[in-house]
Amino acid sequence: MSRKIYEVREISYTYPTGKMALEDISMDIYRGELVAVVGPNGAGKTTLLKILDGLIFPQKGEVRFMGKPLTEDVLTDEKEMEWFRSRVGFLFQNPDIMLFSPTVMEDVAFGPLHLYEKEKALAVTEEIMKKLGIYHLRDRHPYNLSGGEKKKASIAAVLALDPQVVLLDEPTRDLDLKNRNYILGLIGELRDRGKTVIMATHDLRAIRLADRCYVINREMIFSGRPRELFSREDILEEANLEIPEIVRLLRSVGIEEVPLTLEEAAALLTRHMEKCGWGKLPQDAED
């Protein structure tokens, strides 16, 4: 079985207004990967995710999912649609789009009730809500939730289907530090569980988690690993991203290597200090 879960070949998409959103984009996504799609506002990131979710279709090019063409004709077949929808989950940037029922419980149970018998569907729903720490919100109206609670409820609605692929559109946007850290931890957990995760993001911490990243601005302008991206000031500028502060700090003392974690940065700085005869960093600095 091929490890490729998505094969995207020279796709282009034009909005009804006539504005070009994507032009000749090609990429391969492999099973179990965590991939970041990066670019400035209006670059076509959300449009790309919608194409990968089969919500819209490119006017040019081809998308294949698990070896099958992902086209409007294919997804009009009820069995093919059910097969695809049970494998791919999409978290919209705005959780209000996904929360439309009178209670959080009903929203999270909506998908499982279409896949399983009622008893199993409710058991799955309760399990995922408890896992995400929102079971106590089960009888609340979604519009009475905080931003972080809405995000968790919409994530629960996606994960309740246990999809193999999770598409995330700006998953940490507009969240406070606590909820942002929670979402980043959850993204790492999904990858550790073997899920394929594709996220559109501006969050430098989220990008660091990725196995690979693509930078798009209508066209493909970069494909590589996060460490390579953070070393390319020209690409970061085009993606409307800042150079990570820790990278700027190390460059200010002559270290050109790019760390992805504080531990890596501390090790680089310690070696540099020893080389220069400055001694070692205190142990608590390395921690």
Protein backbone atom coordinates (compact mmCIF):
# COMPACT_ATOMS: atom_id res chain seq x y z
CA MET A 1 0.00 0.00 0.00
CA SER A 2 1.34 3.43 -0.92
CA ARG A 3 2.36 5.69 1.95
CA LYS A 4 0.94 8.64 0.06
CA ILE A 5 -2.40 9.71 1.43
CA TYR A 6 -2.79 12.77 -0.84
CA GLU A 7 -1.32 13.36 -4.27
CA VAL A 8 -1.88 16.90 -5.54
CA ARG A 9 -0.81 17.63 -9.11
CA GLU A 10 -0.71 21.14 -10.60
CA ILE A 11 -4.06 22.26 -9.23
CA SER A 12 -5.42 25.75 -9.84
CA TYR A 13 -8.51 27.39 -8.44
CA THR A 14 -10.16 30.70 -9.33
CA TYR A 15 -12.81 32.35 -7.16
CA PRO A 16 -16.17 33.22 -8.75
CA THR A 17 -15.01 36.84 -8.72
CA GLY A 18 -12.25 35.90 -11.16
CA LYS A 19 -9.42 36.24 -8.63
CA MET A 20 -6.83 33.46 -8.79
CA ALA A 21 -6.57 31.64 -5.42
CA LEU A 22 -4.16 28.82 -6.29
CA GLU A 23 -1.98 28.29 -9.34
CA ASP A 24 -0.19 25.06 -10.27
CA ILE A 25 0.14 23.71 -6.73
CA SER A 26 1.65 20.23 -6.38
CA MET A 27 2.39 18.30 -3.19
CA ASP A 28 2.44 14.84 -1.66
CA ILE A 29 1.20 14.13 1.86
CA TYR A 30 2.24 10.87 3.51
CA ARG A 31 0.48 8.75 6.12
CA GLY A 32 1.20 9.81 9.67
CA GLU A 33 2.77 13.15 8.72
CA LEU A 34 2.21 16.47 10.40
CA VAL A 35 2.31 19.08 7.64
CA ALA A 36 2.10 22.86 8.02
CA VAL A 37 0.75 25.01 5.19
CA VAL A 38 2.04 28.53 5.65
CA GLY A 39 1.50 31.82 3.82
CA PRO A 40 0.25 35.39 4.23
CA ASN A 41 -3.43 36.22 4.56
CA GLY A 42 -5.21 35.62 1.27
CA ALA A 43 -2.52 33.22 0.04
CA GLY A 44 -4.98 30.37 -0.62
CA LYS A 45 -4.32 28.22 2.47
CA THR A 46 -7.98 27.78 3.42
CA THR A 47 -8.90 27.19 -0.22
CA LEU A 48 -6.31 24.39 -0.37
CA LEU A 49 -7.71 22.75 2.78
CA LYS A 50 -11.24 22.93 1.35
CA ILE A 51 -10.01 21.18 -1.80
CA LEU A 52 -8.35 18.47 0.31
CA ASP A 53 -11.68 18.08 2.13
CA GLY A 54 -13.66 17.78 -1.10
CA LEU A 55 -15.72 20.87 -0.34
CA ILE A 56 -14.61 22.58 -3.54
CA PHE A 57 -12.76 21.24 -6.58
CA PRO A 58 -9.92 22.68 -8.65
CA GLN A 59 -10.67 23.89 -12.17
CA LYS A 60 -7.34 22.47 -13.27
CA GLY A 61 -5.14 19.62 -12.08
CA GLU A 62 -5.83 16.48 -10.05
CA VAL A 63 -6.17 15.48 -6.41
CA ARG A 64 -6.03 11.83 -5.36
CA PHE A 65 -6.86 10.53 -1.88
CA MET A 66 -5.53 7.08 -0.98
CA GLY A 67 -5.06 6.50 -4.69
CA LYS A 68 -8.61 7.47 -5.65
CA PRO A 69 -9.47 10.61 -7.65
CA LEU A 70 -11.08 13.24 -5.43
CA THR A 71 -13.64 14.76 -7.79
CA GLU A 72 -17.18 16.05 -7.63
CA ASP A 73 -18.39 13.07 -9.68
CA VAL A 74 -16.78 10.59 -7.28
CA LEU A 75 -18.19 12.27 -4.17
CA THR A 76 -21.74 12.32 -5.54
CA ASP A 77 -21.68 8.55 -5.10
CA GLU A 78 -23.18 7.90 -1.64
CA LYS A 79 -20.81 5.04 -0.75
CA GLU A 80 -17.73 6.94 -1.89
CA MET A 81 -18.86 10.02 0.02
CA GLU A 82 -19.41 7.99 3.22
CA TRP A 83 -16.02 6.29 2.76
CA PHE A 84 -14.24 9.63 2.34
CA ARG A 85 -16.09 11.52 5.09
CA SER A 86 -15.35 8.76 7.61
CA ARG A 87 -11.61 9.23 6.97
CA VAL A 88 -11.17 12.99 6.75
CA GLY A 89 -12.16 15.58 9.36
CA PHE A 90 -11.98 19.35 8.86
CA LEU A 91 -11.68 21.89 11.68
CA PHE A 92 -12.80 25.26 10.33
CA GLN A 93 -11.02 28.41 11.49
CA ASN A 94 -14.29 29.78 12.89
CA PRO A 95 -15.85 27.22 15.27
CA ASP A 96 -19.26 28.90 14.96
CA ILE A 97 -19.53 27.34 11.49
CA MET A 98 -19.38 23.88 13.06
CA LEU A 99 -21.62 24.46 16.08
CA PHE A 100 -25.26 24.62 15.03
CA SER A 101 -27.23 22.45 17.49
CA PRO A 102 -29.05 23.49 20.68
CA THR A 103 -26.42 21.80 22.89
CA VAL A 104 -22.74 20.91 22.74
CA MET A 105 -23.60 17.22 23.18
CA GLU A 106 -25.83 17.26 20.10
CA ASP A 107 -23.14 18.97 18.03
CA VAL A 108 -20.46 16.43 18.98
CA ALA A 109 -22.87 13.52 18.51
CA PHE A 110 -24.02 14.66 15.05
CA GLY A 111 -21.31 12.79 13.14
CA PRO A 112 -21.27 9.58 15.20
CA LEU A 113 -25.06 9.29 14.94
CA HIS A 114 -24.64 9.09 11.16
CA LEU A 115 -22.03 6.35 11.46
CA TYR A 116 -23.06 4.15 14.38
CA GLU A 117 -26.06 2.81 16.21
CA LYS A 118 -27.38 5.29 18.77
CA GLU A 119 -25.92 3.56 21.83
CA LYS A 120 -22.43 3.40 20.37
CA ALA A 121 -22.67 6.93 18.99
CA LEU A 122 -23.52 8.36 22.40
CA ALA A 123 -20.75 6.34 24.06
CA VAL A 124 -18.21 7.66 21.54
CA THR A 125 -19.51 11.20 22.06
CA GLU A 126 -19.23 11.03 25.83
CA GLU A 127 -15.74 9.54 25.63
CA ILE A 128 -14.30 12.25 23.39
CA MET A 129 -15.96 15.04 25.39
CA LYS A 130 -14.48 13.69 28.62
CA LYS A 131 -11.08 13.35 26.96
CA LEU A 132 -11.16 17.01 25.88
CA GLY A 133 -12.44 18.14 29.26
CA ILE A 134 -15.75 19.54 28.01
CA TYR A 135 -18.24 16.92 29.26
CA HIS A 136 -19.51 19.41 31.86
CA LEU A 137 -20.55 21.65 28.92
CA ARG A 138 -22.74 18.96 27.34
CA ASP A 139 -26.06 20.76 27.97
CA ARG A 140 -24.80 24.27 27.18
CA HIS A 141 -25.78 26.15 24.03
CA PRO A 142 -22.63 26.54 21.89
CA TYR A 143 -23.09 30.30 21.60
CA ASN A 144 -22.78 30.57 25.39
CA LEU A 145 -19.25 29.15 25.34
CA SER A 146 -15.96 31.01 25.52
CA GLY A 147 -13.68 31.07 22.48
CA GLY A 148 -11.50 28.28 23.88
CA GLU A 149 -14.54 26.18 24.77
CA LYS A 150 -15.97 26.61 21.28
CA LYS A 151 -12.67 25.51 19.77
CA LYS A 152 -12.58 22.40 21.96
CA ALA A 153 -16.22 21.59 21.14
CA SER A 154 -15.56 21.87 17.40
CA ILE A 155 -12.44 19.70 17.74
CA ALA A 156 -14.49 17.13 19.65
CA ALA A 157 -17.03 17.09 16.79
CA VAL A 158 -14.20 16.27 14.37
CA LEU A 159 -12.38 13.72 16.52
CA ALA A 160 -15.59 11.89 17.44
CA LEU A 161 -15.48 10.46 13.92
CA ASP A 162 -11.93 9.12 14.54
CA PRO A 163 -10.72 10.29 11.12
CA GLN A 164 -7.42 9.12 9.67
CA VAL A 165 -6.75 12.65 8.35
CA VAL A 166 -7.34 15.85 10.31
CA LEU A 167 -7.37 19.18 8.46
CA LEU A 168 -6.89 22.18 10.75
CA ASP A 169 -7.44 25.78 9.64
CA GLU A 170 -5.55 28.15 11.97
CA PRO A 171 -6.18 25.92 15.02
CA THR A 172 -4.53 28.26 17.58
CA ARG A 173 -5.82 31.57 16.27
CA ASP A 174 -7.48 33.92 18.80
CA LEU A 175 -6.77 31.60 21.74
CA ASP A 176 -5.23 32.59 25.06
CA LEU A 177 -1.93 31.03 26.12
CA LYS A 178 -3.51 28.19 28.12
CA ASN A 179 -5.83 27.08 25.33
CA ARG A 180 -3.14 27.59 22.70
CA ASN A 181 -0.80 25.29 24.62
CA TYR A 182 -3.61 22.76 24.98
CA ILE A 183 -4.28 22.73 21.22
CA LEU A 184 -0.58 22.41 20.40
CA GLY A 185 -0.33 19.46 22.78
CA LEU A 186 -3.38 17.87 21.17
CA ILE A 187 -1.87 18.29 17.68
CA GLY A 188 1.28 16.51 18.84
CA GLU A 189 -0.82 13.75 20.36
CA LEU A 190 -2.71 13.25 17.08
CA ARG A 191 0.59 12.84 15.25
CA ASP A 192 1.83 10.41 17.91
CA ARG A 193 -1.35 8.34 17.39
CA GLY A 194 -0.50 7.99 13.70
CA LYS A 195 -3.02 10.49 12.37
CA THR A 196 -2.16 12.52 9.29
CA VAL A 197 -2.48 16.18 10.27
CA ILE A 198 -2.46 19.06 7.78
CA MET A 199 -2.73 22.52 9.30
CA ALA A 200 -2.82 26.01 7.87
CA THR A 201 -1.11 28.22 10.44
CA HIS A 202 0.85 31.38 11.20
CA ASP A 203 1.85 30.06 14.64
CA LEU A 204 5.62 29.58 14.85
CA ARG A 205 5.24 27.05 17.66
CA ALA A 206 2.81 25.02 15.56
CA ILE A 207 5.16 25.14 12.57
CA ARG A 208 7.98 23.78 14.76
CA LEU A 209 5.88 20.66 15.40
CA ALA A 210 5.59 19.87 11.69
CA ASP A 211 7.52 17.16 9.88
CA ARG A 212 7.37 19.24 6.70
CA CYS A 213 5.97 22.57 5.66
CA TYR A 214 4.76 24.18 2.46
CA VAL A 215 4.75 27.94 1.95
CA ILE A 216 2.24 29.15 -0.60
CA ASN A 217 1.29 32.57 -1.88
CA ARG A 218 -1.08 31.56 -4.63
CA GLU A 219 1.88 29.61 -6.05
CA MET A 220 4.18 27.20 -4.24
CA ILE A 221 7.20 29.15 -2.99
CA PHE A 222 8.82 26.69 -0.55
CA SER A 223 8.72 23.03 0.42
CA GLY A 224 10.92 21.64 3.16
CA ARG A 225 11.41 21.09 6.87
CA PRO A 226 10.75 23.74 9.53
CA ARG A 227 14.46 24.08 10.28
CA GLU A 228 15.09 24.94 6.62
CA LEU A 229 12.20 27.43 6.59
CA PHE A 230 13.45 29.26 9.69
CA SER A 231 16.84 29.71 8.04
CA ARG A 232 15.31 31.45 4.99
CA GLU A 233 14.63 35.08 5.83
CA ASP A 234 13.35 35.79 2.31
CA ILE A 235 10.72 33.05 2.52
CA LEU A 236 9.70 34.03 6.05
CA GLU A 237 9.17 37.59 4.90
CA GLU A 238 7.02 36.48 1.97
CA ALA A 239 5.00 34.25 4.32
CA ASN A 240 4.51 37.26 6.64
CA LEU A 241 6.34 35.48 9.47
CA GLU A 242 8.97 36.81 11.84
CA ILE A 243 12.30 35.08 12.34
CA PRO A 244 11.95 33.20 15.66
CA GLU A 245 13.44 35.23 18.50
CA ILE A 246 15.72 32.39 19.58
CA VAL A 247 17.18 32.22 16.05
CA ARG A 248 17.82 35.98 16.10
CA LEU A 249 19.46 35.68 19.51
CA LEU A 250 21.84 32.96 18.35
CA ARG A 251 22.71 34.85 15.17
CA SER A 252 23.57 37.90 17.24
CA VAL A 253 26.43 35.90 18.83
CA GLY A 254 27.51 34.28 15.59
CA ILE A 255 25.59 30.98 15.68
CA GLU A 256 24.01 30.21 12.31
CA GLU A 257 22.46 26.84 13.20
CA VAL A 258 18.67 26.84 13.63
CA PRO A 259 17.20 25.22 16.78
CA LEU A 260 13.58 24.09 16.98
CA THR A 261 13.44 23.77 20.78
CA LEU A 262 14.84 25.63 23.78
CA GLU A 263 16.87 22.53 24.60
CA GLU A 264 18.54 22.64 21.20
CA ALA A 265 19.19 26.36 21.59
CA ALA A 266 20.73 25.89 25.04
CA ALA A 267 23.02 23.14 23.71
CA LEU A 268 24.16 25.32 20.78
CA LEU A 269 24.80 28.28 23.05
CA THR A 270 26.70 26.14 25.56
CA ARG A 271 29.00 24.74 22.87
CA HIS A 272 29.57 28.23 21.51
CA MET A 273 30.44 29.58 24.96
CA GLU A 274 32.85 26.71 25.63
CA LYS A 275 34.49 27.26 22.25
CA CYS A 276 34.92 30.94 23.08
CA GLY A 277 36.22 30.14 26.57
CA TRP A 278 33.19 31.61 28.34
CA GLY A 279 32.34 28.52 30.36
CA LYS A 280 28.96 26.76 30.49
CA LEU A 281 25.40 27.94 30.91
CA PRO A 282 23.93 27.36 34.39
CA GLN A 283 22.02 24.08 34.56
CA ASP A 284 18.67 25.83 35.07
CA ALA A 285 19.22 27.80 31.85
CA GLU A 286 19.63 24.57 29.92
CA ASP A 287 16.40 23.26 31.44
